[in-house]
């Protein structure tokens, strides 16, 4: 069954992508799970410095974005 989670496409340098896959493999994660981990960690660091992010309704990403 297909996932109902939002998708995000990015453009990235091939060398950087290859290195990212290497790191994900080292951490025994898929590239997708490694990206999720990195994003969560980045947000946690931001919130530790600036406080909890309260996302206004007009900024929320719709399911079609």
C-alpha atoms as a PDB file:
ATOM      1  CA  UNK A   1       0.000   0.000   0.000  1.00  0.00           C
ATOM      2  CA  UNK A   2       1.421   3.423  -0.931  1.00  0.00           C
ATOM      3  CA  UNK A   3       2.369   5.799   1.858  1.00  0.00           C
ATOM      4  CA  UNK A   4       0.124   8.751   2.642  1.00  0.00           C
ATOM      5  CA  UNK A   5       3.119  10.755   3.908  1.00  0.00           C
ATOM      6  CA  UNK A   6       4.053  13.919   2.006  1.00  0.00           C
ATOM      7  CA  UNK A   7       6.890  13.623  -0.506  1.00  0.00           C
ATOM      8  CA  UNK A   8       9.799  16.014  -0.995  1.00  0.00           C
ATOM      9  CA  UNK A   9      12.029  16.083  -4.047  1.00  0.00           C
ATOM     10  CA  UNK A  10      15.433  17.791  -3.916  1.00  0.00           C
ATOM     11  CA  UNK A  11      18.239  18.543  -6.333  1.00  0.00           C
ATOM     12  CA  UNK A  12      21.664  17.643  -4.944  1.00  0.00           C
ATOM     13  CA  UNK A  13      25.222  17.265  -6.197  1.00  0.00           C
ATOM     14  CA  UNK A  14      26.014  13.621  -7.084  1.00  0.00           C
ATOM     15  CA  UNK A  15      29.143  13.477  -4.903  1.00  0.00           C
ATOM     16  CA  UNK A  16      27.226  14.830  -1.926  1.00  0.00           C
ATOM     17  CA  UNK A  17      24.403  12.346  -2.517  1.00  0.00           C
ATOM     18  CA  UNK A  18      26.839   9.429  -2.737  1.00  0.00           C
ATOM     19  CA  UNK A  19      28.459  10.479   0.539  1.00  0.00           C
ATOM     20  CA  UNK A  20      25.051  10.865   2.146  1.00  0.00           C
ATOM     21  CA  UNK A  21      24.115   7.314   1.108  1.00  0.00           C
ATOM     22  CA  UNK A  22      27.415   6.121   2.595  1.00  0.00           C
ATOM     23  CA  UNK A  23      26.628   7.803   5.936  1.00  0.00           C
ATOM     24  CA  UNK A  24      23.067   6.429   5.931  1.00  0.00           C
ATOM     25  CA  UNK A  25      24.391   2.930   5.289  1.00  0.00           C
ATOM     26  CA  UNK A  26      26.977   3.326   8.064  1.00  0.00           C
ATOM     27  CA  UNK A  27      24.144   4.314  10.425  1.00  0.00           C
ATOM     28  CA  UNK A  28      22.100   1.328   9.199  1.00  0.00           C
ATOM     29  CA  UNK A  29      19.361   3.588   7.855  1.00  0.00           C
ATOM     30  CA  UNK A  30      17.809   4.098   4.470  1.00  0.00           C
ATOM     31  CA  UNK A  31      18.574   7.444   2.861  1.00  0.00           C
ATOM     32  CA  UNK A  32      14.993   8.498   3.599  1.00  0.00           C
ATOM     33  CA  UNK A  33      15.305   7.644   7.302  1.00  0.00           C
ATOM     34  CA  UNK A  34      18.690   9.387   7.455  1.00  0.00           C
ATOM     35  CA  UNK A  35      17.136  12.544   6.001  1.00  0.00           C
ATOM     36  CA  UNK A  36      14.305  12.313   8.534  1.00  0.00           C
ATOM     37  CA  UNK A  37      16.863  11.920  11.351  1.00  0.00           C
ATOM     38  CA  UNK A  38      18.915  14.909  10.141  1.00  0.00           C
ATOM     39  CA  UNK A  39      15.820  17.122   9.803  1.00  0.00           C
ATOM     40  CA  UNK A  40      14.530  16.155  13.270  1.00  0.00           C
ATOM     41  CA  UNK A  41      17.945  16.838  14.800  1.00  0.00           C
ATOM     42  CA  UNK A  42      18.222  20.198  13.047  1.00  0.00           C
ATOM     43  CA  UNK A  43      14.769  21.234  14.267  1.00  0.00           C
ATOM     44  CA  UNK A  44      15.576  20.085  17.823  1.00  0.00           C
ATOM     45  CA  UNK A  45      18.774  22.181  17.832  1.00  0.00           C
ATOM     46  CA  UNK A  46      16.871  25.184  16.491  1.00  0.00           C
ATOM     47  CA  UNK A  47      14.124  24.799  19.105  1.00  0.00           C
ATOM     48  CA  UNK A  48      16.689  24.384  21.894  1.00  0.00           C
ATOM     49  CA  UNK A  49      18.123  27.771  20.970  1.00  0.00           C
ATOM     50  CA  UNK A  50      14.970  29.646  19.918  1.00  0.00           C
ATOM     51  CA  UNK A  51      12.071  27.850  21.642  1.00  0.00           C
ATOM     52  CA  UNK A  52       9.344  25.602  20.322  1.00  0.00           C
ATOM     53  CA  UNK A  53       8.240  26.352  16.784  1.00  0.00           C
ATOM     54  CA  UNK A  54       4.551  27.177  16.549  1.00  0.00           C
ATOM     55  CA  UNK A  55       3.696  26.769  12.864  1.00  0.00           C
ATOM     56  CA  UNK A  56       0.930  29.170  11.775  1.00  0.00           C
ATOM     57  CA  UNK A  57      -1.923  27.519   9.852  1.00  0.00           C
ATOM     58  CA  UNK A  58      -1.099  29.515   6.692  1.00  0.00           C
ATOM     59  CA  UNK A  59       2.400  27.986   6.641  1.00  0.00           C
ATOM     60  CA  UNK A  60       1.296  24.366   6.974  1.00  0.00           C
ATOM     61  CA  UNK A  61       2.081  22.324   3.875  1.00  0.00           C
ATOM     62  CA  UNK A  62      -0.956  20.962   2.114  1.00  0.00           C
ATOM     63  CA  UNK A  63      -1.122  17.349   0.957  1.00  0.00           C
ATOM     64  CA  UNK A  64      -0.755  18.476  -2.657  1.00  0.00           C
ATOM     65  CA  UNK A  65       2.575  20.361  -2.092  1.00  0.00           C
END
